[in-house]
Amino acid sequence: ENLILLSLYVDDRGKCSGGPFKTIGEKWATFEQENFKQVTQPLYVLLGPGGQLLNYPVGYTPEKQYQQWLECGLRACRFLK
């Protein structure tokens, strides 16, 4: 209800149509590097409605810590409204 889940796969070998990228994965890996200064799998990022980071991006995180990370981001998003 409060989140939209998007998955960007940096290992997707599907061909990219047009532009400077050969594969879809190359396009998303470049996006991740330019915007979050890392390319890791998985990388979890919470963005607000205006594209601002709600908390720090994280890689693999155990379930309890991941839940805390999500809750922190949701609190930050509510603060923006």
PDB file of N, CA and C in Angstrom:
ATOM      1  N   GLU A   1       0.827  -1.201   0.000  1.00  0.00           N
ATOM      2  CA  GLU A   1       0.000   0.000   0.000  1.00  0.00           C
ATOM      3  C   GLU A   1       0.864   1.255   0.000  1.00  0.00           C
ATOM      4  N   ASN A   2       2.012   1.224   0.683  1.00  0.00           N
ATOM      5  CA  ASN A   2       2.853   2.409   0.788  1.00  0.00           C
ATOM      6  C   ASN A   2       4.093   2.375  -0.095  1.00  0.00           C
ATOM      7  N   LEU A   3       4.334   1.243  -0.753  1.00  0.00           N
ATOM      8  CA  LEU A   3       5.557   1.101  -1.548  1.00  0.00           C
ATOM      9  C   LEU A   3       5.234   0.573  -2.934  1.00  0.00           C
ATOM     10  N   ILE A   4       6.051   0.955  -3.882  1.00  0.00           N
ATOM     11  CA  ILE A   4       6.017   0.362  -5.214  1.00  0.00           C
ATOM     12  C   ILE A   4       7.353  -0.343  -5.391  1.00  0.00           C
ATOM     13  N   LEU A   5       7.305  -1.624  -5.689  1.00  0.00           N
ATOM     14  CA  LEU A   5       8.514  -2.417  -5.840  1.00  0.00           C
ATOM     15  C   LEU A   5       8.945  -2.424  -7.299  1.00  0.00           C
ATOM     16  N   LEU A   6      10.194  -2.050  -7.520  1.00  0.00           N
ATOM     17  CA  LEU A   6      10.795  -2.127  -8.852  1.00  0.00           C
ATOM     18  C   LEU A   6      12.031  -2.993  -8.757  1.00  0.00           C
ATOM     19  N   SER A   7      12.256  -3.799  -9.740  1.00  0.00           N
ATOM     20  CA  SER A   7      13.446  -4.641  -9.776  1.00  0.00           C
ATOM     21  C   SER A   7      14.222  -4.323 -11.043  1.00  0.00           C
ATOM     22  N   LEU A   8      15.468  -3.938 -10.858  1.00  0.00           N
ATOM     23  CA  LEU A   8      16.348  -3.669 -11.980  1.00  0.00           C
ATOM     24  C   LEU A   8      17.430  -4.741 -11.964  1.00  0.00           C
ATOM     25  N   TYR A   9      17.544  -5.491 -13.025  1.00  0.00           N
ATOM     26  CA  TYR A   9      18.482  -6.599 -13.067  1.00  0.00           C
ATOM     27  C   TYR A   9      19.733  -6.211 -13.852  1.00  0.00           C
ATOM     28  N   VAL A  10      20.853  -6.141 -13.145  1.00  0.00           N
ATOM     29  CA  VAL A  10      22.106  -5.756 -13.797  1.00  0.00           C
ATOM     30  C   VAL A  10      22.723  -6.923 -14.559  1.00  0.00           C
ATOM     31  N   ASP A  11      22.160  -8.120 -14.417  1.00  0.00           N
ATOM     32  CA  ASP A  11      22.685  -9.275 -15.139  1.00  0.00           C
ATOM     33  C   ASP A  11      21.760  -9.702 -16.291  1.00  0.00           C
ATOM     34  N   ASP A  12      20.792  -8.872 -16.637  1.00  0.00           N
ATOM     35  CA  ASP A  12      19.868  -9.156 -17.742  1.00  0.00           C
ATOM     36  C   ASP A  12      20.625  -9.042 -19.063  1.00  0.00           C
ATOM     37  N   ARG A  13      20.710 -10.119 -19.803  1.00  0.00           N
ATOM     38  CA  ARG A  13      21.466 -10.134 -21.060  1.00  0.00           C
ATOM     39  C   ARG A  13      20.605  -9.817 -22.282  1.00  0.00           C
ATOM     40  N   GLY A  14      19.344  -9.402 -22.036  1.00  0.00           N
ATOM     41  CA  GLY A  14      18.482  -9.010 -23.154  1.00  0.00           C
ATOM     42  C   GLY A  14      19.059  -7.801 -23.869  1.00  0.00           C
ATOM     43  N   LYS A  15      18.864  -7.759 -25.159  1.00  0.00           N
ATOM     44  CA  LYS A  15      19.421  -6.657 -25.958  1.00  0.00           C
ATOM     45  C   LYS A  15      18.658  -5.363 -25.698  1.00  0.00           C
ATOM     46  N   CYS A  16      19.408  -4.280 -25.626  1.00  0.00           N
ATOM     47  CA  CYS A  16      18.843  -2.940 -25.466  1.00  0.00           C
ATOM     48  C   CYS A  16      18.575  -2.378 -26.857  1.00  0.00           C
ATOM     49  N   SER A  17      17.411  -1.769 -27.021  1.00  0.00           N
ATOM     50  CA  SER A  17      17.115  -1.180 -28.332  1.00  0.00           C
ATOM     51  C   SER A  17      17.506   0.297 -28.322  1.00  0.00           C
ATOM     52  N   GLY A  18      18.455   0.645 -29.135  1.00  0.00           N
ATOM     53  CA  GLY A  18      18.912   2.027 -29.224  1.00  0.00           C
ATOM     54  C   GLY A  18      19.774   2.429 -28.045  1.00  0.00           C
ATOM     55  N   GLY A  19      20.355   3.587 -28.114  1.00  0.00           N
ATOM     56  CA  GLY A  19      21.175   4.104 -27.029  1.00  0.00           C
ATOM     57  C   GLY A  19      22.552   3.478 -26.987  1.00  0.00           C
ATOM     58  N   PRO A  20      23.334   3.855 -25.987  1.00  0.00           N
ATOM     59  CA  PRO A  20      24.732   3.424 -25.922  1.00  0.00           C
ATOM     60  C   PRO A  20      24.940   2.043 -25.293  1.00  0.00           C
ATOM     61  N   PHE A  21      23.879   1.386 -24.834  1.00  0.00           N
ATOM     62  CA  PHE A  21      24.037   0.129 -24.102  1.00  0.00           C
ATOM     63  C   PHE A  21      23.740  -1.078 -24.979  1.00  0.00           C
ATOM     64  N   LYS A  22      24.538  -2.121 -24.813  1.00  0.00           N
ATOM     65  CA  LYS A  22      24.329  -3.351 -25.576  1.00  0.00           C
ATOM     66  C   LYS A  22      23.244  -4.215 -24.934  1.00  0.00           C
ATOM     67  N   THR A  23      23.211  -4.249 -23.585  1.00  0.00           N
ATOM     68  CA  THR A  23      22.237  -5.094 -22.889  1.00  0.00           C
ATOM     69  C   THR A  23      21.441  -4.279 -21.868  1.00  0.00           C
ATOM     70  N   ILE A  24      20.289  -4.814 -21.493  1.00  0.00           N
ATOM     71  CA  ILE A  24      19.463  -4.188 -20.462  1.00  0.00           C
ATOM     72  C   ILE A  24      20.232  -4.132 -19.149  1.00  0.00           C
ATOM     73  N   GLY A  25      20.949  -5.211 -18.831  1.00  0.00           N
ATOM     74  CA  GLY A  25      21.736  -5.257 -17.598  1.00  0.00           C
ATOM     75  C   GLY A  25      22.796  -4.173 -17.550  1.00  0.00           C
ATOM     76  N   GLU A  26      23.440  -3.915 -18.682  1.00  0.00           N
ATOM     77  CA  GLU A  26      24.459  -2.857 -18.747  1.00  0.00           C
ATOM     78  C   GLU A  26      23.830  -1.492 -18.465  1.00  0.00           C
ATOM     79  N   LYS A  27      22.636  -1.282 -18.996  1.00  0.00           N
ATOM     80  CA  LYS A  27      21.926  -0.021 -18.759  1.00  0.00           C
ATOM     81  C   LYS A  27      21.649   0.169 -17.263  1.00  0.00           C
ATOM     82  N   TRP A  28      21.115  -0.872 -16.601  1.00  0.00           N
ATOM     83  CA  TRP A  28      20.776  -0.734 -15.175  1.00  0.00           C
ATOM     84  C   TRP A  28      22.012  -0.714 -14.293  1.00  0.00           C
ATOM     85  N   ALA A  29      23.064  -1.418 -14.680  1.00  0.00           N
ATOM     86  CA  ALA A  29      24.313  -1.362 -13.914  1.00  0.00           C
ATOM     87  C   ALA A  29      24.886   0.050 -13.952  1.00  0.00           C
ATOM     88  N   THR A  30      24.818   0.699 -15.109  1.00  0.00           N
ATOM     89  CA  THR A  30      25.287   2.075 -15.243  1.00  0.00           C
ATOM     90  C   THR A  30      24.425   3.012 -14.401  1.00  0.00           C
ATOM     91  N   PHE A  31      23.114   2.827 -14.448  1.00  0.00           N
ATOM     92  CA  PHE A  31      22.185   3.632 -13.632  1.00  0.00           C
ATOM     93  C   PHE A  31      22.531   3.492 -12.146  1.00  0.00           C
ATOM     94  N   GLU A  32      22.748   2.258 -11.699  1.00  0.00           N
ATOM     95  CA  GLU A  32      23.073   2.002 -10.295  1.00  0.00           C
ATOM     96  C   GLU A  32      24.399   2.660  -9.911  1.00  0.00           C
ATOM     97  N   GLN A  33      25.396   2.531 -10.753  1.00  0.00           N
ATOM     98  CA  GLN A  33      26.711   3.112 -10.478  1.00  0.00           C
ATOM     99  C   GLN A  33      26.632   4.637 -10.413  1.00  0.00           C
ATOM    100  N   GLU A  34      25.956   5.233 -11.368  1.00  0.00           N
ATOM    101  CA  GLU A  34      25.879   6.693 -11.418  1.00  0.00           C
ATOM    102  C   GLU A  34      25.052   7.277 -10.276  1.00  0.00           C
ATOM    103  N   ASN A  35      23.997   6.598  -9.885  1.00  0.00           N
ATOM    104  CA  ASN A  35      23.094   7.143  -8.874  1.00  0.00           C
ATOM    105  C   ASN A  35      23.412   6.724  -7.447  1.00  0.00           C
ATOM    106  N   PHE A  36      23.979   5.530  -7.278  1.00  0.00           N
ATOM    107  CA  PHE A  36      24.197   5.012  -5.922  1.00  0.00           C
ATOM    108  C   PHE A  36      25.645   4.654  -5.644  1.00  0.00           C
ATOM    109  N   LYS A  37      26.521   4.881  -6.604  1.00  0.00           N
ATOM    110  CA  LYS A  37      27.973   4.700  -6.478  1.00  0.00           C
ATOM    111  C   LYS A  37      28.366   3.266  -6.153  1.00  0.00           C
ATOM    112  N   GLN A  38      27.557   2.319  -6.574  1.00  0.00           N
ATOM    113  CA  GLN A  38      27.898   0.914  -6.400  1.00  0.00           C
ATOM    114  C   GLN A  38      27.083   0.059  -7.358  1.00  0.00           C
ATOM    115  N   VAL A  39      27.600  -1.106  -7.653  1.00  0.00           N
ATOM    116  CA  VAL A  39      26.877  -2.093  -8.438  1.00  0.00           C
ATOM    117  C   VAL A  39      27.010  -3.396  -7.673  1.00  0.00           C
ATOM    118  N   THR A  40      25.950  -3.762  -6.998  1.00  0.00           N
ATOM    119  CA  THR A  40      25.958  -4.969  -6.190  1.00  0.00           C
ATOM    120  C   THR A  40      24.614  -5.657  -6.323  1.00  0.00           C
ATOM    121  N   GLN A  41      24.606  -6.956  -6.099  1.00  0.00           N
ATOM    122  CA  GLN A  41      23.361  -7.716  -6.145  1.00  0.00           C
ATOM    123  C   GLN A  41      23.170  -8.444  -4.842  1.00  0.00           C
ATOM    124  N   PRO A  42      22.079  -8.269  -4.185  1.00  0.00           N
ATOM    125  CA  PRO A  42      21.069  -7.256  -4.466  1.00  0.00           C
ATOM    126  C   PRO A  42      21.487  -5.905  -3.891  1.00  0.00           C
ATOM    127  N   LEU A  43      20.859  -4.861  -4.357  1.00  0.00           N
ATOM    128  CA  LEU A  43      21.001  -3.528  -3.779  1.00  0.00           C
ATOM    129  C   LEU A  43      19.594  -3.003  -3.575  1.00  0.00           C
ATOM    130  N   TYR A  44      19.259  -2.688  -2.337  1.00  0.00           N
ATOM    131  CA  TYR A  44      17.936  -2.181  -1.992  1.00  0.00           C
ATOM    132  C   TYR A  44      18.031  -0.678  -1.779  1.00  0.00           C
ATOM    133  N   VAL A  45      17.118   0.043  -2.428  1.00  0.00           N
ATOM    134  CA  VAL A  45      17.117   1.499  -2.371  1.00  0.00           C
ATOM    135  C   VAL A  45      15.678   1.956  -2.171  1.00  0.00           C
ATOM    136  N   LEU A  46      15.468   2.881  -1.244  1.00  0.00           N
ATOM    137  CA  LEU A  46      14.150   3.485  -1.057  1.00  0.00           C
ATOM    138  C   LEU A  46      14.220   4.933  -1.507  1.00  0.00           C
ATOM    139  N   LEU A  47      13.365   5.265  -2.480  1.00  0.00           N
ATOM    140  CA  LEU A  47      13.305   6.621  -3.003  1.00  0.00           C
ATOM    141  C   LEU A  47      11.941   7.218  -2.686  1.00  0.00           C
ATOM    142  N   GLY A  48      11.929   8.506  -2.361  1.00  0.00           N
ATOM    143  CA  GLY A  48      10.686   9.219  -2.125  1.00  0.00           C
ATOM    144  C   GLY A  48      10.031   9.585  -3.440  1.00  0.00           C
ATOM    145  N   PRO A  49       8.847  10.188  -3.375  1.00  0.00           N
ATOM    146  CA  PRO A  49       8.103  10.558  -4.585  1.00  0.00           C
ATOM    147  C   PRO A  49       8.888  11.467  -5.531  1.00  0.00           C
ATOM    148  N   GLY A  50       9.784  12.286  -5.009  1.00  0.00           N
ATOM    149  CA  GLY A  50      10.583  13.179  -5.836  1.00  0.00           C
ATOM    150  C   GLY A  50      11.921  12.587  -6.230  1.00  0.00           C
ATOM    151  N   GLY A  51      12.142  11.303  -5.932  1.00  0.00           N
ATOM    152  CA  GLY A  51      13.392  10.639  -6.282  1.00  0.00           C
ATOM    153  C   GLY A  51      14.494  10.782  -5.249  1.00  0.00           C
ATOM    154  N   GLN A  52      14.196  11.394  -4.086  1.00  0.00           N
ATOM    155  CA  GLN A  52      15.214  11.564  -3.051  1.00  0.00           C
ATOM    156  C   GLN A  52      15.385  10.272  -2.246  1.00  0.00           C
ATOM    157  N   LEU A  53      16.620  10.011  -1.835  1.00  0.00           N
ATOM    158  CA  LEU A  53      16.905   8.842  -1.003  1.00  0.00           C
ATOM    159  C   LEU A  53      16.232   9.008   0.356  1.00  0.00           C
ATOM    160  N   LEU A  54      15.570   7.957   0.814  1.00  0.00           N
ATOM    161  CA  LEU A  54      14.912   7.993   2.121  1.00  0.00           C
ATOM    162  C   LEU A  54      15.803   7.432   3.216  1.00  0.00           C
ATOM    163  N   ASN A  55      16.754   6.598   2.856  1.00  0.00           N
ATOM    164  CA  ASN A  55      17.783   6.089   3.760  1.00  0.00           C
ATOM    165  C   ASN A  55      18.916   5.537   2.907  1.00  0.00           C
ATOM    166  N   TYR A  56      19.938   5.004   3.527  1.00  0.00           N
ATOM    167  CA  TYR A  56      21.090   4.532   2.770  1.00  0.00           C
ATOM    168  C   TYR A  56      20.769   3.242   2.030  1.00  0.00           C
ATOM    169  N   PRO A  57      21.216   3.100   0.782  1.00  0.00           N
ATOM    170  CA  PRO A  57      21.065   1.827   0.079  1.00  0.00           C
ATOM    171  C   PRO A  57      21.813   0.723   0.830  1.00  0.00           C
ATOM    172  N   VAL A  58      21.266  -0.478   0.791  1.00  0.00           N
ATOM    173  CA  VAL A  58      21.908  -1.618   1.447  1.00  0.00           C
ATOM    174  C   VAL A  58      21.932  -2.805   0.502  1.00  0.00           C
ATOM    175  N   GLY A  59      22.915  -3.661   0.711  1.00  0.00           N
ATOM    176  CA  GLY A  59      22.975  -4.934  -0.002  1.00  0.00           C
ATOM    177  C   GLY A  59      22.198  -5.970   0.784  1.00  0.00           C
ATOM    178  N   TYR A  60      22.581  -7.231   0.634  1.00  0.00           N
ATOM    179  CA  TYR A  60      21.890  -8.293   1.354  1.00  0.00           C
ATOM    180  C   TYR A  60      21.864  -7.971   2.841  1.00  0.00           C
ATOM    181  N   THR A  61      20.702  -8.103   3.442  1.00  0.00           N
ATOM    182  CA  THR A  61      20.517  -7.777   4.850  1.00  0.00           C
ATOM    183  C   THR A  61      19.621  -8.848   5.474  1.00  0.00           C
ATOM    184  N   PRO A  62      19.992  -9.402   6.634  1.00  0.00           N
ATOM    185  CA  PRO A  62      19.115 -10.370   7.299  1.00  0.00           C
ATOM    186  C   PRO A  62      17.714  -9.786   7.525  1.00  0.00           C
ATOM    187  N   GLU A  63      16.725 -10.657   7.596  1.00  0.00           N
ATOM    188  CA  GLU A  63      15.320 -10.253   7.600  1.00  0.00           C
ATOM    189  C   GLU A  63      14.968  -9.199   8.651  1.00  0.00           C
ATOM    190  N   LYS A  64      15.401  -9.374   9.892  1.00  0.00           N
ATOM    191  CA  LYS A  64      15.048  -8.418  10.948  1.00  0.00           C
ATOM    192  C   LYS A  64      15.631  -7.036  10.653  1.00  0.00           C
ATOM    193  N   GLN A  65      16.891  -6.991  10.247  1.00  0.00           N
ATOM    194  CA  GLN A  65      17.531  -5.709   9.920  1.00  0.00           C
ATOM    195  C   GLN A  65      16.901  -5.086   8.679  1.00  0.00           C
ATOM    196  N   TYR A  66      16.503  -5.917   7.720  1.00  0.00           N
ATOM    197  CA  TYR A  66      15.849  -5.417   6.509  1.00  0.00           C
ATOM    198  C   TYR A  66      14.510  -4.768   6.872  1.00  0.00           C
ATOM    199  N   GLN A  67      13.760  -5.404   7.745  1.00  0.00           N
ATOM    200  CA  GLN A  67      12.480  -4.834   8.186  1.00  0.00           C
ATOM    201  C   GLN A  67      12.698  -3.485   8.861  1.00  0.00           C
ATOM    202  N   GLN A  68      13.719  -3.387   9.707  1.00  0.00           N
ATOM    203  CA  GLN A  68      14.031  -2.110  10.366  1.00  0.00           C
ATOM    204  C   GLN A  68      14.418  -1.057   9.328  1.00  0.00           C
ATOM    205  N   TRP A  69      15.171  -1.457   8.331  1.00  0.00           N
ATOM    206  CA  TRP A  69      15.592  -0.554   7.261  1.00  0.00           C
ATOM    207  C   TRP A  69      14.372  -0.030   6.500  1.00  0.00           C
ATOM    208  N   LEU A  70      13.435  -0.939   6.165  1.00  0.00           N
ATOM    209  CA  LEU A  70      12.209  -0.528   5.474  1.00  0.00           C
ATOM    210  C   LEU A  70      11.397   0.444   6.327  1.00  0.00           C
ATOM    211  N   GLU A  71      11.231   0.125   7.607  1.00  0.00           N
ATOM    212  CA  GLU A  71      10.447   0.981   8.503  1.00  0.00           C
ATOM    213  C   GLU A  71      11.071   2.365   8.631  1.00  0.00           C
ATOM    214  N   CYS A  72      12.388   2.428   8.683  1.00  0.00           N
ATOM    215  CA  CYS A  72      13.090   3.720   8.738  1.00  0.00           C
ATOM    216  C   CYS A  72      12.783   4.535   7.484  1.00  0.00           C
ATOM    217  N   GLY A  73      12.825   3.906   6.325  1.00  0.00           N
ATOM    218  CA  GLY A  73      12.535   4.596   5.081  1.00  0.00           C
ATOM    219  C   GLY A  73      11.099   5.074   5.010  1.00  0.00           C
ATOM    220  N   LEU A  74      10.157   4.259   5.514  1.00  0.00           N
ATOM    221  CA  LEU A  74       8.754   4.653   5.519  1.00  0.00           C
ATOM    222  C   LEU A  74       8.527   5.846   6.446  1.00  0.00           C
ATOM    223  N   ARG A  75       9.195   5.839   7.583  1.00  0.00           N
ATOM    224  CA  ARG A  75       9.082   6.998   8.490  1.00  0.00           C
ATOM    225  C   ARG A  75       9.602   8.252   7.798  1.00  0.00           C
ATOM    226  N   ALA A  76      10.714   8.141   7.095  1.00  0.00           N
ATOM    227  CA  ALA A  76      11.282   9.286   6.378  1.00  0.00           C
ATOM    228  C   ALA A  76      10.312   9.780   5.305  1.00  0.00           C
ATOM    229  N   CYS A  77       9.646   8.865   4.625  1.00  0.00           N
ATOM    230  CA  CYS A  77       8.687   9.240   3.588  1.00  0.00           C
ATOM    231  C   CYS A  77       7.490   9.961   4.186  1.00  0.00           C
ATOM    232  N   ARG A  78       7.002   9.508   5.312  1.00  0.00           N
ATOM    233  CA  ARG A  78       5.875  10.173   5.971  1.00  0.00           C
ATOM    234  C   ARG A  78       6.257  11.583   6.406  1.00  0.00           C
ATOM    235  N   PHE A  79       7.514  11.762   6.788  1.00  0.00           N
ATOM    236  CA  PHE A  79       8.018  13.076   7.206  1.00  0.00           C
ATOM    237  C   PHE A  79       7.982  14.053   6.034  1.00  0.00           C
ATOM    238  N   LEU A  80       8.152  13.548   4.821  1.00  0.00           N
ATOM    239  CA  LEU A  80       8.178  14.413   3.641  1.00  0.00           C
ATOM    240  C   LEU A  80       6.805  14.954   3.277  1.00  0.00           C
ATOM    241  N   LYS A  81       5.752  14.253   3.670  1.00  0.00           N
ATOM    242  CA  LYS A  81       4.393  14.643   3.270  1.00  0.00           C
ATOM    243  C   LYS A  81       3.898  15.860   4.002  1.00  0.00           C
TER     244      LYS A  81
END
